[in-house]
Amino acid sequence: MNDKEPAVKLDGRTIPFPSSISTEARAALMRLVGEDGRPRHALYEMPEPNDISGWMKMKSAADAQYAAAVEGLAGSLRSTTSTIEVGPATIHLATPDGQFDERCALIDLHGGALVFGGGKACLVSAGRQADQHGVYCYGIDYRMPPEHPYPAALDDCVATYRFVLERHAPASIAVCGRSAGGNLAAAMLLRARDEGLPMPGSLVLLSPQVDLTESGDTFRTNELIDVVLPRSLMSNNLFYAHGAPLAEPYLSPLFGDLRGFPPTFLRAALATFFSRTR
């Protein structure tokens, strides 16, 4: 390997980017590593769980970054979006352009480490999903801390699921969650099942943050090697949980009883999120 080729360099080790991925994927990963070989994201520290002022500043900065990221995407949407309120829950409903099967629905749960990623980014995500899949997409703009810690986000998700069940047959509903949204997607179905609601037709979990205890060994072995999330999210997890035990299944669905779950597609793109599988 060429010493000048971008790679993660840590404690005397050099970890090259995988050659099995596309050129575009390698380029995206390379952009996340500084000239010193350390992940750029490792420069940022999350506030302590009780530092409300610090979190508000962090959220403001993150919201600005999310807004900039979706600025160009919003203009390319073909779907139309509307925002509805179901109790305290805010839902962005995206309707595809042209003809589509109105029986089908997708519930979309955005990522953002349980603290970021709502608002315009959530709305645009719903629109993109409707464009891509040609179905109604219900993007849940779930409430988040510091104003609304656990279980507010989960309450919003369950309220939305009930709302969608009133309009679509369970078998025609797909649920998709990314990162923190994967946590909420799985927790939503755990609680829905416990409350006697039918399961949807399918579940998609994309790098879900399903273990808030961070108890698996790969949370340590992949630290500073995972260039997307090089550091622990424990401060976020405690901030979100607001004193509730992190091992509680509605907070860490990995520890829940998953019997009766629908057919599930699971993609683990970020090693840090997966310390254990069943």
C-alpha atoms as a PDB file:
ATOM      1  CA  MET A   1       0.000   0.000   0.000  1.00  0.00           C
ATOM      2  CA  ASN A   2       1.215   3.508  -0.855  1.00  0.00           C
ATOM      3  CA  ASP A   3       1.924   5.441   2.363  1.00  0.00           C
ATOM      4  CA  LYS A   4       0.300   8.516   0.820  1.00  0.00           C
ATOM      5  CA  GLU A   5      -2.925   6.701  -0.028  1.00  0.00           C
ATOM      6  CA  PRO A   6      -5.765   7.862   2.275  1.00  0.00           C
ATOM      7  CA  ALA A   7      -6.416   5.483   5.138  1.00  0.00           C
ATOM      8  CA  VAL A   8      -7.284   5.517   8.819  1.00  0.00           C
ATOM      9  CA  LYS A   9      -4.133   5.672  10.908  1.00  0.00           C
ATOM     10  CA  LEU A  10      -4.455   4.865  14.585  1.00  0.00           C
ATOM     11  CA  ASP A  11      -1.912   3.889  17.260  1.00  0.00           C
ATOM     12  CA  GLY A  12       0.676   2.794  14.747  1.00  0.00           C
ATOM     13  CA  ARG A  13      -1.832   0.893  12.635  1.00  0.00           C
ATOM     14  CA  THR A  14      -2.892   1.719   9.096  1.00  0.00           C
ATOM     15  CA  ILE A  15      -6.396   0.598   8.135  1.00  0.00           C
ATOM     16  CA  PRO A  16      -6.955   0.993   4.372  1.00  0.00           C
ATOM     17  CA  PHE A  17     -10.353   1.597   2.896  1.00  0.00           C
ATOM     18  CA  PRO A  18     -11.902  -1.590   1.498  1.00  0.00           C
ATOM     19  CA  SER A  19     -11.150  -2.264  -2.151  1.00  0.00           C
ATOM     20  CA  SER A  20     -14.415  -4.172  -2.593  1.00  0.00           C
ATOM     21  CA  ILE A  21     -16.589  -1.049  -2.591  1.00  0.00           C
ATOM     22  CA  SER A  22     -17.210   1.355  -5.438  1.00  0.00           C
ATOM     23  CA  THR A  23     -14.900   4.201  -6.339  1.00  0.00           C
ATOM     24  CA  GLU A  24     -17.607   6.641  -5.278  1.00  0.00           C
ATOM     25  CA  ALA A  25     -18.003   4.972  -1.891  1.00  0.00           C
ATOM     26  CA  ARG A  26     -14.261   5.020  -1.295  1.00  0.00           C
ATOM     27  CA  ALA A  27     -14.140   8.698  -2.205  1.00  0.00           C
ATOM     28  CA  ALA A  28     -16.959   9.444   0.243  1.00  0.00           C
ATOM     29  CA  LEU A  29     -15.091   7.678   3.047  1.00  0.00           C
ATOM     30  CA  MET A  30     -11.820   9.363   2.180  1.00  0.00           C
ATOM     31  CA  ARG A  31     -13.420  12.780   2.577  1.00  0.00           C
ATOM     32  CA  LEU A  32     -14.142  11.902   6.197  1.00  0.00           C
ATOM     33  CA  VAL A  33     -10.467  11.372   7.075  1.00  0.00           C
ATOM     34  CA  GLY A  34      -7.997  14.178   7.729  1.00  0.00           C
ATOM     35  CA  GLU A  35      -4.450  14.399   6.468  1.00  0.00           C
ATOM     36  CA  ASP A  36      -3.263  12.931   9.767  1.00  0.00           C
ATOM     37  CA  GLY A  37      -5.290   9.769   9.127  1.00  0.00           C
ATOM     38  CA  ARG A  38      -7.816  10.412  11.893  1.00  0.00           C
ATOM     39  CA  PRO A  39     -11.563  10.665  11.221  1.00  0.00           C
ATOM     40  CA  ARG A  40     -12.650  14.291  10.949  1.00  0.00           C
ATOM     41  CA  HIS A  41     -15.785  13.580  12.976  1.00  0.00           C
ATOM     42  CA  ALA A  42     -13.610  12.556  15.920  1.00  0.00           C
ATOM     43  CA  LEU A  43     -12.811  16.251  16.429  1.00  0.00           C
ATOM     44  CA  TYR A  44     -16.337  16.874  17.677  1.00  0.00           C
ATOM     45  CA  GLU A  45     -17.489  16.070  21.189  1.00  0.00           C
ATOM     46  CA  MET A  46     -21.140  15.823  22.185  1.00  0.00           C
ATOM     47  CA  PRO A  47     -22.227  17.886  25.202  1.00  0.00           C
ATOM     48  CA  GLU A  48     -22.736  16.201  28.550  1.00  0.00           C
ATOM     49  CA  PRO A  49     -26.292  14.899  29.033  1.00  0.00           C
ATOM     50  CA  ASN A  50     -27.151  17.686  31.494  1.00  0.00           C
ATOM     51  CA  ASP A  51     -25.657  20.516  29.396  1.00  0.00           C
ATOM     52  CA  ILE A  52     -28.896  21.899  27.938  1.00  0.00           C
ATOM     53  CA  SER A  53     -27.247  25.051  26.601  1.00  0.00           C
ATOM     54  CA  GLY A  54     -24.578  22.979  24.878  1.00  0.00           C
ATOM     55  CA  TRP A  55     -27.186  20.754  23.279  1.00  0.00           C
ATOM     56  CA  MET A  56     -29.191  23.713  22.013  1.00  0.00           C
ATOM     57  CA  LYS A  57     -26.078  25.113  20.337  1.00  0.00           C
ATOM     58  CA  MET A  58     -25.258  21.709  18.862  1.00  0.00           C
ATOM     59  CA  LYS A  59     -28.810  21.305  17.556  1.00  0.00           C
ATOM     60  CA  SER A  60     -28.735  24.757  15.976  1.00  0.00           C
ATOM     61  CA  ALA A  61     -25.492  23.944  14.160  1.00  0.00           C
ATOM     62  CA  ALA A  62     -26.753  20.517  13.078  1.00  0.00           C
ATOM     63  CA  ASP A  63     -30.056  21.937  11.833  1.00  0.00           C
ATOM     64  CA  ALA A  64     -28.151  24.439   9.690  1.00  0.00           C
ATOM     65  CA  GLN A  65     -26.066  21.623   8.208  1.00  0.00           C
ATOM     66  CA  TYR A  66     -29.126  19.501   7.501  1.00  0.00           C
ATOM     67  CA  ALA A  67     -30.879  22.475   5.882  1.00  0.00           C
ATOM     68  CA  ALA A  68     -27.899  23.115   3.627  1.00  0.00           C
ATOM     69  CA  ALA A  69     -27.711  19.435   2.697  1.00  0.00           C
ATOM     70  CA  VAL A  70     -31.338  19.253   1.535  1.00  0.00           C
ATOM     71  CA  GLU A  71     -31.463  22.684  -0.104  1.00  0.00           C
ATOM     72  CA  GLY A  72     -30.813  21.341  -3.597  1.00  0.00           C
ATOM     73  CA  LEU A  73     -32.797  18.138  -3.110  1.00  0.00           C
ATOM     74  CA  ALA A  74     -36.072  19.893  -2.294  1.00  0.00           C
ATOM     75  CA  GLY A  75     -36.268  21.447  -5.753  1.00  0.00           C
ATOM     76  CA  SER A  76     -35.885  18.086  -7.472  1.00  0.00           C
ATOM     77  CA  LEU A  77     -38.858  16.414  -5.763  1.00  0.00           C
ATOM     78  CA  ARG A  78     -41.711  15.312  -8.012  1.00  0.00           C
ATOM     79  CA  SER A  79     -44.020  14.341  -5.150  1.00  0.00           C
ATOM     80  CA  THR A  80     -46.228  16.783  -3.288  1.00  0.00           C
ATOM     81  CA  THR A  81     -46.022  17.072   0.483  1.00  0.00           C
ATOM     82  CA  SER A  82     -48.389  18.208   3.192  1.00  0.00           C
ATOM     83  CA  THR A  83     -47.958  18.343   6.950  1.00  0.00           C
ATOM     84  CA  ILE A  84     -50.592  16.999   9.307  1.00  0.00           C
ATOM     85  CA  GLU A  85     -50.854  16.809  13.079  1.00  0.00           C
ATOM     86  CA  VAL A  86     -52.044  13.693  14.890  1.00  0.00           C
ATOM     87  CA  GLY A  87     -52.225  14.681  18.537  1.00  0.00           C
ATOM     88  CA  PRO A  88     -48.686  15.803  19.378  1.00  0.00           C
ATOM     89  CA  ALA A  89     -47.228  13.967  16.368  1.00  0.00           C
ATOM     90  CA  THR A  90     -46.179  15.833  13.219  1.00  0.00           C
ATOM     91  CA  ILE A  91     -46.354  13.843   9.983  1.00  0.00           C
ATOM     92  CA  HIS A  92     -45.129  14.884   6.540  1.00  0.00           C
ATOM     93  CA  LEU A  93     -47.296  13.074   3.995  1.00  0.00           C
ATOM     94  CA  ALA A  94     -45.706  12.776   0.550  1.00  0.00           C
ATOM     95  CA  THR A  95     -47.892  11.828  -2.412  1.00  0.00           C
ATOM     96  CA  PRO A  96     -46.187  10.513  -5.557  1.00  0.00           C
ATOM     97  CA  ASP A  97     -46.602  12.261  -8.871  1.00  0.00           C
ATOM     98  CA  GLY A  98     -48.747  10.463 -11.433  1.00  0.00           C
ATOM     99  CA  GLN A  99     -50.479   7.123 -11.038  1.00  0.00           C
ATOM    100  CA  PHE A 100     -49.564   4.848  -8.125  1.00  0.00           C
ATOM    101  CA  ASP A 101     -51.054   2.140  -5.936  1.00  0.00           C
ATOM    102  CA  GLU A 102     -52.902   4.100  -3.267  1.00  0.00           C
ATOM    103  CA  ARG A 103     -53.292   1.006  -1.105  1.00  0.00           C
ATOM    104  CA  CYS A 104     -49.593   0.957  -0.187  1.00  0.00           C
ATOM    105  CA  ALA A 105     -47.801   3.112   2.366  1.00  0.00           C
ATOM    106  CA  LEU A 106     -44.307   3.625   3.707  1.00  0.00           C
ATOM    107  CA  ILE A 107     -43.611   4.998   7.183  1.00  0.00           C
ATOM    108  CA  ASP A 108     -40.259   6.798   7.148  1.00  0.00           C
ATOM    109  CA  LEU A 109     -38.224   7.420  10.308  1.00  0.00           C
ATOM    110  CA  HIS A 110     -35.240   9.747   9.927  1.00  0.00           C
ATOM    111  CA  GLY A 111     -31.847   9.439  11.575  1.00  0.00           C
ATOM    112  CA  GLY A 112     -29.951  11.964  13.653  1.00  0.00           C
ATOM    113  CA  ALA A 113     -28.670  10.268  16.819  1.00  0.00           C
ATOM    114  CA  LEU A 114     -32.083  10.709  18.506  1.00  0.00           C
ATOM    115  CA  VAL A 115     -31.528  14.472  18.777  1.00  0.00           C
ATOM    116  CA  PHE A 116     -31.156  15.875  15.241  1.00  0.00           C
ATOM    117  CA  GLY A 117     -32.580  15.556  11.735  1.00  0.00           C
ATOM    118  CA  GLY A 118     -36.180  16.766  11.923  1.00  0.00           C
ATOM    119  CA  GLY A 119     -37.919  19.642  10.167  1.00  0.00           C
ATOM    120  CA  LYS A 120     -37.170  20.286   6.496  1.00  0.00           C
ATOM    121  CA  ALA A 121     -34.776  17.344   6.270  1.00  0.00           C
ATOM    122  CA  CYS A 122     -37.545  14.993   7.419  1.00  0.00           C
ATOM    123  CA  LEU A 123     -40.016  16.474   4.931  1.00  0.00           C
ATOM    124  CA  VAL A 124     -37.582  16.166   2.018  1.00  0.00           C
ATOM    125  CA  SER A 125     -36.783  12.578   3.012  1.00  0.00           C
ATOM    126  CA  ALA A 126     -40.479  11.681   2.834  1.00  0.00           C
ATOM    127  CA  GLY A 127     -40.702  13.256  -0.612  1.00  0.00           C
ATOM    128  CA  ARG A 128     -37.687  11.364  -1.892  1.00  0.00           C
ATOM    129  CA  GLN A 129     -39.063   8.076  -0.604  1.00  0.00           C
ATOM    130  CA  ALA A 130     -42.387   8.729  -2.346  1.00  0.00           C
ATOM    131  CA  ASP A 131     -40.534   9.541  -5.570  1.00  0.00           C
ATOM    132  CA  GLN A 132     -38.384   6.444  -5.372  1.00  0.00           C
ATOM    133  CA  HIS A 133     -40.992   3.882  -4.359  1.00  0.00           C
ATOM    134  CA  GLY A 134     -44.206   5.292  -5.817  1.00  0.00           C
ATOM    135  CA  VAL A 135     -46.237   4.995  -2.614  1.00  0.00           C
ATOM    136  CA  TYR A 136     -47.657   7.295   0.011  1.00  0.00           C
ATOM    137  CA  CYS A 137     -44.866   8.122   2.436  1.00  0.00           C
ATOM    138  CA  TYR A 138     -45.550   9.201   6.001  1.00  0.00           C
ATOM    139  CA  GLY A 139     -42.428  10.905   7.365  1.00  0.00           C
ATOM    140  CA  ILE A 140     -42.605  11.146  11.160  1.00  0.00           C
ATOM    141  CA  ASP A 141     -41.128  14.429  12.391  1.00  0.00           C
ATOM    142  CA  TYR A 142     -40.907  12.996  15.885  1.00  0.00           C
ATOM    143  CA  ARG A 143     -40.278  15.204  18.905  1.00  0.00           C
ATOM    144  CA  MET A 144     -36.779  15.188  20.361  1.00  0.00           C
ATOM    145  CA  PRO A 145     -34.873  16.428  23.407  1.00  0.00           C
ATOM    146  CA  PRO A 146     -34.129  18.692  25.112  1.00  0.00           C
ATOM    147  CA  GLU A 147     -37.747  19.848  24.975  1.00  0.00           C
ATOM    148  CA  HIS A 148     -39.163  16.370  24.460  1.00  0.00           C
ATOM    149  CA  PRO A 149     -37.086  13.449  25.802  1.00  0.00           C
ATOM    150  CA  TYR A 150     -38.133   9.788  25.813  1.00  0.00           C
ATOM    151  CA  PRO A 151     -40.825   8.585  25.403  1.00  0.00           C
ATOM    152  CA  ALA A 152     -42.105  11.536  23.313  1.00  0.00           C
ATOM    153  CA  ALA A 153     -40.545  10.327  20.038  1.00  0.00           C
ATOM    154  CA  LEU A 154     -41.858   6.795  20.547  1.00  0.00           C
ATOM    155  CA  ASP A 155     -45.320   8.147  21.428  1.00  0.00           C
ATOM    156  CA  ASP A 156     -45.321  10.072  18.138  1.00  0.00           C
ATOM    157  CA  CYS A 157     -44.325   6.970  16.204  1.00  0.00           C
ATOM    158  CA  VAL A 158     -47.052   4.808  17.727  1.00  0.00           C
ATOM    159  CA  ALA A 159     -49.656   7.547  17.172  1.00  0.00           C
ATOM    160  CA  THR A 160     -48.581   7.750  13.531  1.00  0.00           C
ATOM    161  CA  TYR A 161     -48.710   3.980  13.124  1.00  0.00           C
ATOM    162  CA  ARG A 162     -52.278   3.926  14.448  1.00  0.00           C
ATOM    163  CA  PHE A 163     -53.148   6.757  12.029  1.00  0.00           C
ATOM    164  CA  VAL A 164     -51.690   4.878   9.049  1.00  0.00           C
ATOM    165  CA  LEU A 165     -53.450   1.639  10.070  1.00  0.00           C
ATOM    166  CA  GLU A 166     -56.763   3.488   9.786  1.00  0.00           C
ATOM    167  CA  ARG A 167     -55.993   4.201   6.114  1.00  0.00           C
ATOM    168  CA  HIS A 168     -54.050   1.181   4.906  1.00  0.00           C
ATOM    169  CA  ALA A 169     -54.218  -2.572   5.444  1.00  0.00           C
ATOM    170  CA  PRO A 170     -51.361  -3.784   7.670  1.00  0.00           C
ATOM    171  CA  ALA A 171     -49.946  -6.022   4.934  1.00  0.00           C
ATOM    172  CA  SER A 172     -49.692  -2.990   2.617  1.00  0.00           C
ATOM    173  CA  ILE A 173     -47.561  -0.983   5.071  1.00  0.00           C
ATOM    174  CA  ALA A 174     -43.760  -0.951   5.107  1.00  0.00           C
ATOM    175  CA  VAL A 175     -41.779   0.687   7.918  1.00  0.00           C
ATOM    176  CA  CYS A 176     -38.287   2.038   7.247  1.00  0.00           C
ATOM    177  CA  GLY A 177     -35.897   3.523   9.802  1.00  0.00           C
ATOM    178  CA  ARG A 178     -32.348   4.788   9.414  1.00  0.00           C
ATOM    179  CA  SER A 179     -29.890   4.977  12.310  1.00  0.00           C
ATOM    180  CA  ALA A 180     -31.846   6.530  15.203  1.00  0.00           C
ATOM    181  CA  GLY A 181     -34.943   6.015  13.081  1.00  0.00           C
ATOM    182  CA  GLY A 182     -34.130   2.308  13.026  1.00  0.00           C
ATOM    183  CA  ASN A 183     -34.215   2.329  16.816  1.00  0.00           C
ATOM    184  CA  LEU A 184     -37.625   3.965  16.772  1.00  0.00           C
ATOM    185  CA  ALA A 185     -38.960   1.729  13.999  1.00  0.00           C
ATOM    186  CA  ALA A 186     -38.144  -1.412  15.965  1.00  0.00           C
ATOM    187  CA  ALA A 187     -39.310   0.095  19.271  1.00  0.00           C
ATOM    188  CA  MET A 188     -42.534   1.250  17.618  1.00  0.00           C
ATOM    189  CA  LEU A 189     -43.343  -2.281  16.493  1.00  0.00           C
ATOM    190  CA  LEU A 190     -42.465  -3.730  19.897  1.00  0.00           C
ATOM    191  CA  ARG A 191     -44.896  -1.359  21.547  1.00  0.00           C
ATOM    192  CA  ALA A 192     -47.508  -1.733  18.818  1.00  0.00           C
ATOM    193  CA  ARG A 193     -47.447  -5.506  19.299  1.00  0.00           C
ATOM    194  CA  ASP A 194     -47.660  -5.096  23.083  1.00  0.00           C
ATOM    195  CA  GLU A 195     -50.693  -2.837  22.590  1.00  0.00           C
ATOM    196  CA  GLY A 196     -52.419  -5.404  20.399  1.00  0.00           C
ATOM    197  CA  LEU A 197     -51.893  -3.715  17.041  1.00  0.00           C
ATOM    198  CA  PRO A 198     -51.212  -5.784  13.910  1.00  0.00           C
ATOM    199  CA  MET A 199     -47.735  -5.874  12.430  1.00  0.00           C
ATOM    200  CA  PRO A 200     -46.981  -4.201   9.089  1.00  0.00           C
ATOM    201  CA  GLY A 201     -46.111  -6.138   5.957  1.00  0.00           C
ATOM    202  CA  SER A 202     -42.384  -5.454   6.221  1.00  0.00           C
ATOM    203  CA  LEU A 203     -39.674  -3.678   8.172  1.00  0.00           C
ATOM    204  CA  VAL A 204     -36.462  -2.118   6.837  1.00  0.00           C
ATOM    205  CA  LEU A 205     -33.677  -1.235   9.282  1.00  0.00           C
ATOM    206  CA  LEU A 206     -30.722   0.678   7.862  1.00  0.00           C
ATOM    207  CA  SER A 207     -27.800   0.801  10.305  1.00  0.00           C
ATOM    208  CA  PRO A 208     -30.215   0.916  13.231  1.00  0.00           C
ATOM    209  CA  GLN A 209     -29.045   2.245  16.581  1.00  0.00           C
ATOM    210  CA  VAL A 210     -30.655  -0.613  18.467  1.00  0.00           C
ATOM    211  CA  ASP A 211     -28.334  -0.922  21.488  1.00  0.00           C
ATOM    212  CA  LEU A 212     -28.195   2.304  23.487  1.00  0.00           C
ATOM    213  CA  THR A 213     -26.198   0.547  26.212  1.00  0.00           C
ATOM    214  CA  GLU A 214     -23.253   0.227  23.783  1.00  0.00           C
ATOM    215  CA  SER A 215     -22.384  -3.000  25.584  1.00  0.00           C
ATOM    216  CA  GLY A 216     -20.951  -4.988  22.688  1.00  0.00           C
ATOM    217  CA  ASP A 217     -17.226  -5.279  22.133  1.00  0.00           C
ATOM    218  CA  THR A 218     -17.274  -3.687  18.674  1.00  0.00           C
ATOM    219  CA  PHE A 219     -18.234  -0.369  20.198  1.00  0.00           C
ATOM    220  CA  ARG A 220     -14.661  -0.427  21.530  1.00  0.00           C
ATOM    221  CA  THR A 221     -12.813  -2.263  18.760  1.00  0.00           C
ATOM    222  CA  ASN A 222     -14.252  -0.014  16.026  1.00  0.00           C
ATOM    223  CA  GLU A 223     -13.776   3.219  17.936  1.00  0.00           C
ATOM    224  CA  LEU A 224     -11.976   5.767  15.705  1.00  0.00           C
ATOM    225  CA  ILE A 225     -12.012   3.235  12.851  1.00  0.00           C
ATOM    226  CA  ASP A 226     -15.640   3.799  11.857  1.00  0.00           C
ATOM    227  CA  VAL A 227     -15.082   7.113  10.063  1.00  0.00           C
ATOM    228  CA  VAL A 228     -18.771   8.078  10.079  1.00  0.00           C
ATOM    229  CA  LEU A 229     -19.293   7.613  13.816  1.00  0.00           C
ATOM    230  CA  PRO A 230     -15.830   7.329  15.322  1.00  0.00           C
ATOM    231  CA  ARG A 231     -16.914   8.053  18.886  1.00  0.00           C
ATOM    232  CA  SER A 232     -19.513   6.846  21.322  1.00  0.00           C
ATOM    233  CA  LEU A 233     -23.048   8.257  21.233  1.00  0.00           C
ATOM    234  CA  MET A 234     -23.558   7.535  24.932  1.00  0.00           C
ATOM    235  CA  SER A 235     -24.111  11.195  25.759  1.00  0.00           C
ATOM    236  CA  ASN A 236     -26.902  11.319  23.158  1.00  0.00           C
ATOM    237  CA  ASN A 237     -28.377   8.099  24.484  1.00  0.00           C
ATOM    238  CA  LEU A 238     -28.500   9.330  28.082  1.00  0.00           C
ATOM    239  CA  PHE A 239     -29.819  12.717  26.969  1.00  0.00           C
ATOM    240  CA  TYR A 240     -32.624  11.040  25.017  1.00  0.00           C
ATOM    241  CA  ALA A 241     -33.461   8.437  27.691  1.00  0.00           C
ATOM    242  CA  HIS A 242     -33.889  11.101  30.384  1.00  0.00           C
ATOM    243  CA  GLY A 243     -33.163   8.712  33.255  1.00  0.00           C
ATOM    244  CA  ALA A 244     -34.909   5.611  31.900  1.00  0.00           C
ATOM    245  CA  PRO A 245     -32.792   2.413  31.888  1.00  0.00           C
ATOM    246  CA  LEU A 246     -30.968   2.144  28.571  1.00  0.00           C
ATOM    247  CA  ALA A 247     -31.455  -1.627  28.437  1.00  0.00           C
ATOM    248  CA  GLU A 248     -35.243  -1.215  28.417  1.00  0.00           C
ATOM    249  CA  PRO A 249     -36.460  -2.783  25.132  1.00  0.00           C
ATOM    250  CA  TYR A 250     -38.354   0.344  24.067  1.00  0.00           C
ATOM    251  CA  LEU A 251     -35.002   2.160  24.287  1.00  0.00           C
ATOM    252  CA  SER A 252     -32.739  -0.667  23.105  1.00  0.00           C
ATOM    253  CA  PRO A 253     -34.892  -2.930  20.909  1.00  0.00           C
ATOM    254  CA  LEU A 254     -31.985  -5.358  20.548  1.00  0.00           C
ATOM    255  CA  PHE A 255     -32.924  -6.670  24.000  1.00  0.00           C
ATOM    256  CA  GLY A 256     -36.624  -7.028  23.231  1.00  0.00           C
ATOM    257  CA  ASP A 257     -38.630 -10.113  22.354  1.00  0.00           C
ATOM    258  CA  LEU A 258     -38.761  -9.916  18.551  1.00  0.00           C
ATOM    259  CA  ARG A 259     -41.104 -12.841  18.038  1.00  0.00           C
ATOM    260  CA  GLY A 260     -43.947 -11.994  15.706  1.00  0.00           C
ATOM    261  CA  PHE A 261     -42.028  -9.272  13.862  1.00  0.00           C
ATOM    262  CA  PRO A 262     -42.704  -8.924  10.125  1.00  0.00           C
ATOM    263  CA  PRO A 263     -40.181  -9.933   7.435  1.00  0.00           C
ATOM    264  CA  THR A 264     -37.216  -7.625   8.042  1.00  0.00           C
ATOM    265  CA  PHE A 265     -34.396  -6.359   5.849  1.00  0.00           C
ATOM    266  CA  LEU A 266     -31.403  -5.399   7.976  1.00  0.00           C
ATOM    267  CA  ARG A 267     -28.398  -3.511   6.653  1.00  0.00           C
ATOM    268  CA  ALA A 268     -25.441  -2.847   8.929  1.00  0.00           C
ATOM    269  CA  ALA A 269     -23.389  -0.231   7.109  1.00  0.00           C
ATOM    270  CA  LEU A 270     -21.860   1.291  10.236  1.00  0.00           C
ATOM    271  CA  ALA A 271     -20.057  -1.266  12.356  1.00  0.00           C
ATOM    272  CA  THR A 272     -20.352   0.863  15.484  1.00  0.00           C
ATOM    273  CA  PHE A 273     -24.109   0.425  15.526  1.00  0.00           C
ATOM    274  CA  PHE A 274     -23.944  -3.330  15.686  1.00  0.00           C
ATOM    275  CA  SER A 275     -22.338  -4.989  18.631  1.00  0.00           C
ATOM    276  CA  ARG A 276     -24.557  -8.023  18.675  1.00  0.00           C
ATOM    277  CA  THR A 277     -26.978  -9.875  16.406  1.00  0.00           C
ATOM    278  CA  ARG A 278     -29.525 -12.567  17.007  1.00  0.00           C
END
